[in-house]
Amino acid sequence: MADKFTKHKVSQIRLKETVAQLPASFRTTDVSKHRDVQNAYKNYSDDPQFHQIFGIALSAHKASLRIKKIDDSPNATWQKIED
């Protein structure tokens, strides 16, 4: 049985590092297609739910990442929360 990719395999540290490199407003796929994410999760990048799983992980960690979801599209827009 193949190793299944789930939101639990997404590192919160990797998310934080990636989000820090993005502009104030970004899309889910800006994270999932980011070169660092692609390198870290290259064994899973062909998973048909790869981008969706990153959306789920962003939602799960939005408070600690200091981001908010702007829309509910499949490729959601996110906004960084400034102090």
PDB file of N, CA and C in Angstrom:
ATOM      1  N   MET A   1       0.846  -1.189   0.000  1.00  0.00           N
ATOM      2  CA  MET A   1       0.000   0.000   0.000  1.00  0.00           C
ATOM      3  C   MET A   1       0.889   1.248   0.000  1.00  0.00           C
ATOM      4  N   ALA A   2       0.595   2.181  -0.888  1.00  0.00           N
ATOM      5  CA  ALA A   2       1.381   3.406  -1.010  1.00  0.00           C
ATOM      6  C   ALA A   2       1.152   4.322   0.195  1.00  0.00           C
ATOM      7  N   ASP A   3       2.173   5.076   0.516  1.00  0.00           N
ATOM      8  CA  ASP A   3       2.105   6.046   1.604  1.00  0.00           C
ATOM      9  C   ASP A   3       1.182   7.190   1.183  1.00  0.00           C
ATOM     10  N   LYS A   4       0.096   7.385   1.901  1.00  0.00           N
ATOM     11  CA  LYS A   4      -0.898   8.407   1.535  1.00  0.00           C
ATOM     12  C   LYS A   4      -0.475   9.779   2.057  1.00  0.00           C
ATOM     13  N   PHE A   5      -0.649  10.778   1.197  1.00  0.00           N
ATOM     14  CA  PHE A   5      -0.333  12.153   1.571  1.00  0.00           C
ATOM     15  C   PHE A   5      -1.551  12.775   2.238  1.00  0.00           C
ATOM     16  N   THR A   6      -1.372  13.282   3.455  1.00  0.00           N
ATOM     17  CA  THR A   6      -2.455  13.917   4.202  1.00  0.00           C
ATOM     18  C   THR A   6      -1.944  15.229   4.794  1.00  0.00           C
ATOM     19  N   LYS A   7      -2.860  16.040   5.317  1.00  0.00           N
ATOM     20  CA  LYS A   7      -2.472  17.315   5.934  1.00  0.00           C
ATOM     21  C   LYS A   7      -1.512  17.100   7.095  1.00  0.00           C
ATOM     22  N   HIS A   8      -1.536  15.911   7.688  1.00  0.00           N
ATOM     23  CA  HIS A   8      -0.667  15.613   8.825  1.00  0.00           C
ATOM     24  C   HIS A   8       0.797  15.464   8.410  1.00  0.00           C
ATOM     25  N   LYS A   9       1.028  15.260   7.117  1.00  0.00           N
ATOM     26  CA  LYS A   9       2.398  15.160   6.616  1.00  0.00           C
ATOM     27  C   LYS A   9       2.981  16.530   6.279  1.00  0.00           C
ATOM     28  N   VAL A  10       2.140  17.566   6.297  1.00  0.00           N
ATOM     29  CA  VAL A  10       2.602  18.915   5.972  1.00  0.00           C
ATOM     30  C   VAL A  10       3.185  19.550   7.236  1.00  0.00           C
ATOM     31  N   SER A  11       4.427  19.926   7.152  1.00  0.00           N
ATOM     32  CA  SER A  11       5.121  20.527   8.282  1.00  0.00           C
ATOM     33  C   SER A  11       4.652  21.965   8.505  1.00  0.00           C
ATOM     34  N   GLN A  12       4.275  22.264   9.732  1.00  0.00           N
ATOM     35  CA  GLN A  12       3.862  23.630  10.065  1.00  0.00           C
ATOM     36  C   GLN A  12       5.051  24.585   9.904  1.00  0.00           C
ATOM     37  N   ILE A  13       6.231  24.108  10.187  1.00  0.00           N
ATOM     38  CA  ILE A  13       7.435  24.933  10.004  1.00  0.00           C
ATOM     39  C   ILE A  13       7.639  25.239   8.528  1.00  0.00           C
ATOM     40  N   ARG A  14       7.472  24.238   7.669  1.00  0.00           N
ATOM     41  CA  ARG A  14       7.607  24.443   6.215  1.00  0.00           C
ATOM     42  C   ARG A  14       6.560  25.442   5.729  1.00  0.00           C
ATOM     43  N   LEU A  15       5.330  25.322   6.226  1.00  0.00           N
ATOM     44  CA  LEU A  15       4.285  26.276   5.847  1.00  0.00           C
ATOM     45  C   LEU A  15       4.679  27.691   6.255  1.00  0.00           C
ATOM     46  N   LYS A  16       5.137  27.851   7.486  1.00  0.00           N
ATOM     47  CA  LYS A  16       5.504  29.168   7.991  1.00  0.00           C
ATOM     48  C   LYS A  16       6.637  29.777   7.169  1.00  0.00           C
ATOM     49  N   GLU A  17       7.653  28.981   6.863  1.00  0.00           N
ATOM     50  CA  GLU A  17       8.776  29.457   6.052  1.00  0.00           C
ATOM     51  C   GLU A  17       8.328  29.853   4.651  1.00  0.00           C
ATOM     52  N   THR A  18       7.430  29.080   4.071  1.00  0.00           N
ATOM     53  CA  THR A  18       6.956  29.363   2.721  1.00  0.00           C
ATOM     54  C   THR A  18       6.075  30.602   2.701  1.00  0.00           C
ATOM     55  N   VAL A  19       5.129  30.683   3.618  1.00  0.00           N
ATOM     56  CA  VAL A  19       4.236  31.847   3.684  1.00  0.00           C
ATOM     57  C   VAL A  19       5.048  33.126   3.889  1.00  0.00           C
ATOM     58  N   ALA A  20       6.108  33.057   4.658  1.00  0.00           N
ATOM     59  CA  ALA A  20       6.951  34.237   4.903  1.00  0.00           C
ATOM     60  C   ALA A  20       7.576  34.771   3.616  1.00  0.00           C
ATOM     61  N   GLN A  21       7.769  33.910   2.638  1.00  0.00           N
ATOM     62  CA  GLN A  21       8.375  34.303   1.365  1.00  0.00           C
ATOM     63  C   GLN A  21       7.359  34.858   0.364  1.00  0.00           C
ATOM     64  N   LEU A  22       6.076  34.743   0.669  1.00  0.00           N
ATOM     65  CA  LEU A  22       5.026  35.153  -0.259  1.00  0.00           C
ATOM     66  C   LEU A  22       4.570  36.584   0.015  1.00  0.00           C
ATOM     67  N   PRO A  23       3.920  37.204  -0.980  1.00  0.00           N
ATOM     68  CA  PRO A  23       3.392  38.554  -0.753  1.00  0.00           C
ATOM     69  C   PRO A  23       2.248  38.546   0.261  1.00  0.00           C
ATOM     70  N   ALA A  24       1.761  39.722   0.605  1.00  0.00           N
ATOM     71  CA  ALA A  24       0.708  39.866   1.623  1.00  0.00           C
ATOM     72  C   ALA A  24      -0.566  39.111   1.251  1.00  0.00           C
ATOM     73  N   SER A  25      -0.851  39.000  -0.020  1.00  0.00           N
ATOM     74  CA  SER A  25      -2.008  38.255  -0.517  1.00  0.00           C
ATOM     75  C   SER A  25      -1.488  37.160  -1.448  1.00  0.00           C
ATOM     76  N   PHE A  26      -1.962  35.949  -1.242  1.00  0.00           N
ATOM     77  CA  PHE A  26      -1.482  34.825  -2.047  1.00  0.00           C
ATOM     78  C   PHE A  26      -2.572  33.777  -2.193  1.00  0.00           C
ATOM     79  N   ARG A  27      -2.354  32.833  -3.104  1.00  0.00           N
ATOM     80  CA  ARG A  27      -3.311  31.744  -3.353  1.00  0.00           C
ATOM     81  C   ARG A  27      -2.753  30.444  -2.775  1.00  0.00           C
ATOM     82  N   THR A  28      -3.629  29.492  -2.563  1.00  0.00           N
ATOM     83  CA  THR A  28      -3.217  28.183  -2.057  1.00  0.00           C
ATOM     84  C   THR A  28      -2.114  27.589  -2.926  1.00  0.00           C
ATOM     85  N   THR A  29      -2.272  27.669  -4.243  1.00  0.00           N
ATOM     86  CA  THR A  29      -1.266  27.074  -5.125  1.00  0.00           C
ATOM     87  C   THR A  29       0.053  27.842  -5.123  1.00  0.00           C
ATOM     88  N   ASP A  30       0.065  29.083  -4.646  1.00  0.00           N
ATOM     89  CA  ASP A  30       1.346  29.775  -4.477  1.00  0.00           C
ATOM     90  C   ASP A  30       2.185  29.043  -3.432  1.00  0.00           C
ATOM     91  N   VAL A  31       1.512  28.431  -2.479  1.00  0.00           N
ATOM     92  CA  VAL A  31       2.197  27.636  -1.458  1.00  0.00           C
ATOM     93  C   VAL A  31       2.536  26.257  -2.023  1.00  0.00           C
ATOM     94  N   SER A  32       1.540  25.559  -2.536  1.00  0.00           N
ATOM     95  CA  SER A  32       1.763  24.174  -2.977  1.00  0.00           C
ATOM     96  C   SER A  32       2.688  24.064  -4.187  1.00  0.00           C
ATOM     97  N   LYS A  33       2.796  25.115  -4.989  1.00  0.00           N
ATOM     98  CA  LYS A  33       3.699  25.105  -6.149  1.00  0.00           C
ATOM     99  C   LYS A  33       5.046  25.782  -5.861  1.00  0.00           C
ATOM    100  N   HIS A  34       5.209  26.288  -4.645  1.00  0.00           N
ATOM    101  CA  HIS A  34       6.460  26.955  -4.277  1.00  0.00           C
ATOM    102  C   HIS A  34       7.607  25.950  -4.374  1.00  0.00           C
ATOM    103  N   ARG A  35       8.759  26.390  -4.866  1.00  0.00           N
ATOM    104  CA  ARG A  35       9.893  25.473  -5.096  1.00  0.00           C
ATOM    105  C   ARG A  35      10.317  24.725  -3.829  1.00  0.00           C
ATOM    106  N   ASP A  36      10.284  25.389  -2.686  1.00  0.00           N
ATOM    107  CA  ASP A  36      10.683  24.724  -1.440  1.00  0.00           C
ATOM    108  C   ASP A  36       9.698  23.617  -1.059  1.00  0.00           C
ATOM    109  N   VAL A  37       8.423  23.883  -1.257  1.00  0.00           N
ATOM    110  CA  VAL A  37       7.386  22.881  -0.979  1.00  0.00           C
ATOM    111  C   VAL A  37       7.504  21.732  -1.970  1.00  0.00           C
ATOM    112  N   GLN A  38       7.681  22.049  -3.237  1.00  0.00           N
ATOM    113  CA  GLN A  38       7.831  20.995  -4.252  1.00  0.00           C
ATOM    114  C   GLN A  38       9.033  20.110  -3.944  1.00  0.00           C
ATOM    115  N   ASN A  39      10.127  20.710  -3.517  1.00  0.00           N
ATOM    116  CA  ASN A  39      11.311  19.920  -3.163  1.00  0.00           C
ATOM    117  C   ASN A  39      11.073  19.066  -1.919  1.00  0.00           C
ATOM    118  N   ALA A  40      10.423  19.623  -0.930  1.00  0.00           N
ATOM    119  CA  ALA A  40      10.187  18.906   0.326  1.00  0.00           C
ATOM    120  C   ALA A  40       9.187  17.756   0.168  1.00  0.00           C
ATOM    121  N   TYR A  41       8.238  17.927  -0.746  1.00  0.00           N
ATOM    122  CA  TYR A  41       7.158  16.934  -0.895  1.00  0.00           C
ATOM    123  C   TYR A  41       7.131  16.326  -2.292  1.00  0.00           C
ATOM    124  N   LYS A  42       8.296  16.205  -2.923  1.00  0.00           N
ATOM    125  CA  LYS A  42       8.360  15.717  -4.303  1.00  0.00           C
ATOM    126  C   LYS A  42       7.788  14.314  -4.471  1.00  0.00           C
ATOM    127  N   ASN A  43       7.821  13.507  -3.430  1.00  0.00           N
ATOM    128  CA  ASN A  43       7.256  12.155  -3.522  1.00  0.00           C
ATOM    129  C   ASN A  43       5.733  12.161  -3.567  1.00  0.00           C
ATOM    130  N   TYR A  44       5.124  13.304  -3.224  1.00  0.00           N
ATOM    131  CA  TYR A  44       3.662  13.390  -3.175  1.00  0.00           C
ATOM    132  C   TYR A  44       3.076  14.369  -4.195  1.00  0.00           C
ATOM    133  N   SER A  45       3.916  15.101  -4.901  1.00  0.00           N
ATOM    134  CA  SER A  45       3.418  16.198  -5.744  1.00  0.00           C
ATOM    135  C   SER A  45       2.512  15.738  -6.881  1.00  0.00           C
ATOM    136  N   ASP A  46       2.529  14.458  -7.223  1.00  0.00           N
ATOM    137  CA  ASP A  46       1.627  13.935  -8.255  1.00  0.00           C
ATOM    138  C   ASP A  46       0.276  13.501  -7.690  1.00  0.00           C
ATOM    139  N   ASP A  47       0.132  13.569  -6.384  1.00  0.00           N
ATOM    140  CA  ASP A  47      -1.141  13.201  -5.757  1.00  0.00           C
ATOM    141  C   ASP A  47      -2.233  14.138  -6.268  1.00  0.00           C
ATOM    142  N   PRO A  48      -3.352  13.615  -6.737  1.00  0.00           N
ATOM    143  CA  PRO A  48      -4.410  14.477  -7.277  1.00  0.00           C
ATOM    144  C   PRO A  48      -4.975  15.473  -6.258  1.00  0.00           C
ATOM    145  N   GLN A  49      -4.769  15.221  -4.982  1.00  0.00           N
ATOM    146  CA  GLN A  49      -5.283  16.129  -3.952  1.00  0.00           C
ATOM    147  C   GLN A  49      -4.178  16.972  -3.311  1.00  0.00           C
ATOM    148  N   PHE A  50      -3.009  16.999  -3.936  1.00  0.00           N
ATOM    149  CA  PHE A  50      -1.849  17.697  -3.366  1.00  0.00           C
ATOM    150  C   PHE A  50      -2.173  19.147  -3.008  1.00  0.00           C
ATOM    151  N   HIS A  51      -2.727  19.910  -3.936  1.00  0.00           N
ATOM    152  CA  HIS A  51      -3.020  21.323  -3.685  1.00  0.00           C
ATOM    153  C   HIS A  51      -4.120  21.479  -2.633  1.00  0.00           C
ATOM    154  N   GLN A  52      -5.126  20.621  -2.701  1.00  0.00           N
ATOM    155  CA  GLN A  52      -6.220  20.659  -1.730  1.00  0.00           C
ATOM    156  C   GLN A  52      -5.700  20.400  -0.314  1.00  0.00           C
ATOM    157  N   ILE A  53      -4.785  19.488  -0.182  1.00  0.00           N
ATOM    158  CA  ILE A  53      -4.236  19.166   1.135  1.00  0.00           C
ATOM    159  C   ILE A  53      -3.499  20.369   1.714  1.00  0.00           C
ATOM    160  N   PHE A  54      -2.825  21.124   0.860  1.00  0.00           N
ATOM    161  CA  PHE A  54      -2.173  22.338   1.363  1.00  0.00           C
ATOM    162  C   PHE A  54      -3.202  23.378   1.780  1.00  0.00           C
ATOM    163  N   GLY A  55      -4.316  23.457   1.086  1.00  0.00           N
ATOM    164  CA  GLY A  55      -5.404  24.348   1.507  1.00  0.00           C
ATOM    165  C   GLY A  55      -5.941  23.959   2.865  1.00  0.00           C
ATOM    166  N   ILE A  56      -6.101  22.673   3.087  1.00  0.00           N
ATOM    167  CA  ILE A  56      -6.571  22.168   4.377  1.00  0.00           C
ATOM    168  C   ILE A  56      -5.549  22.479   5.468  1.00  0.00           C
ATOM    169  N   ALA A  57      -4.278  22.294   5.159  1.00  0.00           N
ATOM    170  CA  ALA A  57      -3.224  22.576   6.136  1.00  0.00           C
ATOM    171  C   ALA A  57      -3.154  24.071   6.459  1.00  0.00           C
ATOM    172  N   LEU A  58      -3.301  24.929   5.443  1.00  0.00           N
ATOM    173  CA  LEU A  58      -3.321  26.375   5.695  1.00  0.00           C
ATOM    174  C   LEU A  58      -4.482  26.730   6.621  1.00  0.00           C
ATOM    175  N   SER A  59      -5.643  26.148   6.361  1.00  0.00           N
ATOM    176  CA  SER A  59      -6.812  26.407   7.218  1.00  0.00           C
ATOM    177  C   SER A  59      -6.576  25.933   8.640  1.00  0.00           C
ATOM    178  N   ALA A  60      -5.974  24.773   8.771  1.00  0.00           N
ATOM    179  CA  ALA A  60      -5.736  24.200  10.106  1.00  0.00           C
ATOM    180  C   ALA A  60      -4.748  25.033  10.923  1.00  0.00           C
ATOM    181  N   HIS A  61      -3.833  25.718  10.242  1.00  0.00           N
ATOM    182  CA  HIS A  61      -2.785  26.458  10.943  1.00  0.00           C
ATOM    183  C   HIS A  61      -2.876  27.964  10.732  1.00  0.00           C
ATOM    184  N   LYS A  62      -4.040  28.438  10.285  1.00  0.00           N
ATOM    185  CA  LYS A  62      -4.150  29.860   9.930  1.00  0.00           C
ATOM    186  C   LYS A  62      -3.854  30.803  11.097  1.00  0.00           C
ATOM    187  N   ALA A  63      -4.208  30.444  12.302  1.00  0.00           N
ATOM    188  CA  ALA A  63      -3.944  31.325  13.452  1.00  0.00           C
ATOM    189  C   ALA A  63      -2.440  31.461  13.692  1.00  0.00           C
ATOM    190  N   SER A  64      -1.736  30.351  13.721  1.00  0.00           N
ATOM    191  CA  SER A  64      -0.292  30.420  13.972  1.00  0.00           C
ATOM    192  C   SER A  64       0.471  31.001  12.780  1.00  0.00           C
ATOM    193  N   LEU A  65      -0.090  30.858  11.580  1.00  0.00           N
ATOM    194  CA  LEU A  65       0.536  31.440  10.392  1.00  0.00           C
ATOM    195  C   LEU A  65       0.176  32.915  10.231  1.00  0.00           C
ATOM    196  N   ARG A  66      -0.792  33.366  11.026  1.00  0.00           N
ATOM    197  CA  ARG A  66      -1.279  34.750  10.972  1.00  0.00           C
ATOM    198  C   ARG A  66      -1.788  35.106   9.570  1.00  0.00           C
ATOM    199  N   ILE A  67      -2.690  34.246   9.080  1.00  0.00           N
ATOM    200  CA  ILE A  67      -3.321  34.458   7.777  1.00  0.00           C
ATOM    201  C   ILE A  67      -4.824  34.276   7.913  1.00  0.00           C
ATOM    202  N   LYS A  68      -5.563  34.842   6.967  1.00  0.00           N
ATOM    203  CA  LYS A  68      -7.007  34.613   6.927  1.00  0.00           C
ATOM    204  C   LYS A  68      -7.408  34.314   5.492  1.00  0.00           C
ATOM    205  N   LYS A  69      -8.433  33.488   5.372  1.00  0.00           N
ATOM    206  CA  LYS A  69      -8.948  33.103   4.061  1.00  0.00           C
ATOM    207  C   LYS A  69      -9.887  34.198   3.577  1.00  0.00           C
ATOM    208  N   ILE A  70      -9.666  34.650   2.340  1.00  0.00           N
ATOM    209  CA  ILE A  70     -10.462  35.729   1.767  1.00  0.00           C
ATOM    210  C   ILE A  70     -11.661  35.189   0.994  1.00  0.00           C
ATOM    211  N   ASP A  71     -11.502  34.018   0.370  1.00  0.00           N
ATOM    212  CA  ASP A  71     -12.610  33.417  -0.383  1.00  0.00           C
ATOM    213  C   ASP A  71     -12.560  31.903  -0.238  1.00  0.00           C
ATOM    214  N   ASP A  72     -13.634  31.261  -0.660  1.00  0.00           N
ATOM    215  CA  ASP A  72     -13.728  29.803  -0.516  1.00  0.00           C
ATOM    216  C   ASP A  72     -13.580  29.079  -1.846  1.00  0.00           C
ATOM    217  N   SER A  73     -12.895  29.683  -2.798  1.00  0.00           N
ATOM    218  CA  SER A  73     -12.693  29.014  -4.081  1.00  0.00           C
ATOM    219  C   SER A  73     -11.740  27.830  -3.877  1.00  0.00           C
ATOM    220  N   PRO A  74     -11.718  26.896  -4.825  1.00  0.00           N
ATOM    221  CA  PRO A  74     -10.801  25.757  -4.692  1.00  0.00           C
ATOM    222  C   PRO A  74      -9.333  26.190  -4.542  1.00  0.00           C
ATOM    223  N   ASN A  75      -8.962  27.282  -5.182  1.00  0.00           N
ATOM    224  CA  ASN A  75      -7.614  27.849  -5.051  1.00  0.00           C
ATOM    225  C   ASN A  75      -7.751  29.150  -4.266  1.00  0.00           C
ATOM    226  N   ALA A  76      -8.063  29.007  -2.988  1.00  0.00           N
ATOM    227  CA  ALA A  76      -8.434  30.142  -2.141  1.00  0.00           C
ATOM    228  C   ALA A  76      -7.366  31.233  -2.104  1.00  0.00           C
ATOM    229  N   THR A  77      -7.838  32.448  -1.890  1.00  0.00           N
ATOM    230  CA  THR A  77      -6.961  33.591  -1.654  1.00  0.00           C
ATOM    231  C   THR A  77      -6.789  33.759  -0.149  1.00  0.00           C
ATOM    232  N   TRP A  78      -5.571  34.001   0.282  1.00  0.00           N
ATOM    233  CA  TRP A  78      -5.220  34.180   1.675  1.00  0.00           C
ATOM    234  C   TRP A  78      -4.605  35.557   1.860  1.00  0.00           C
ATOM    235  N   GLN A  79      -4.789  36.124   3.028  1.00  0.00           N
ATOM    236  CA  GLN A  79      -4.235  37.441   3.348  1.00  0.00           C
ATOM    237  C   GLN A  79      -3.457  37.314   4.654  1.00  0.00           C
ATOM    238  N   LYS A  80      -2.241  37.852   4.656  1.00  0.00           N
ATOM    239  CA  LYS A  80      -1.469  37.882   5.894  1.00  0.00           C
ATOM    240  C   LYS A  80      -2.087  38.903   6.824  1.00  0.00           C
ATOM    241  N   ILE A  81      -2.125  38.598   8.106  1.00  0.00           N
ATOM    242  CA  ILE A  81      -2.656  39.500   9.118  1.00  0.00           C
ATOM    243  C   ILE A  81      -1.492  40.309   9.683  1.00  0.00           C
ATOM    244  N   GLU A  82      -1.565  41.599   9.498  1.00  0.00           N
ATOM    245  CA  GLU A  82      -0.519  42.492   9.996  1.00  0.00           C
ATOM    246  C   GLU A  82      -0.832  42.910  11.431  1.00  0.00           C
ATOM    247  N   ASP A  83       0.180  43.248  12.170  1.00  0.00           N
ATOM    248  CA  ASP A  83      -0.004  43.708  13.553  1.00  0.00           C
ATOM    249  C   ASP A  83      -0.715  45.035  13.603  1.00  0.00           C
TER     250      ASP A  83
END
